[in-house]
């Protein structure tokens, strides 16, 4: 068994042993979450709102990359948003909430990277507002609350600062 927190002989990598693998902080119960309880209509609506907001953000960032190329920080944040969409879809499926059948088309891409970054700031600010509105609604469901808090934290701590730096 590998030592916990011990650096390799060359010090290039730190290897941590996890037995069994820890569940993902973004998904309830890891890659294959257990069946979850059905949710109320307001919770189902809140999950739908969160998913549509993430899909809107993803579509917007893809529009920017189509117009301006694979520019930072859009590439990494679009990859992250894609994971957020997948997490919400899995969470909704686990709770028996159908996902919407059509995804938003996103905002049109501005002509410059600076303007696109300003759009990113606005998009992440809207996502944060969505999660701030959703959190009180889903509070009775710890698995949903944990996912929503993690997604909100990603916007607050990672995505918004990246867009502010490039705006």
Foldseek 3Di string as FASTA:
>chain_A
DDDAQDAPPVNPDTDHDDVPDDADLQAAPHPDHAQDEADDPLLLVLLQLLLLLLLQLLLALVLQCVQPNDDPPSVVVNVVSVVLNVRSCNVCVSNVRDHDPDHDNYDHHDNDPLVSLVVQLVSLVVSLVSLVVNLVVCVVPVRVNSNSVVVNCCSVPPRNVRSVVSD
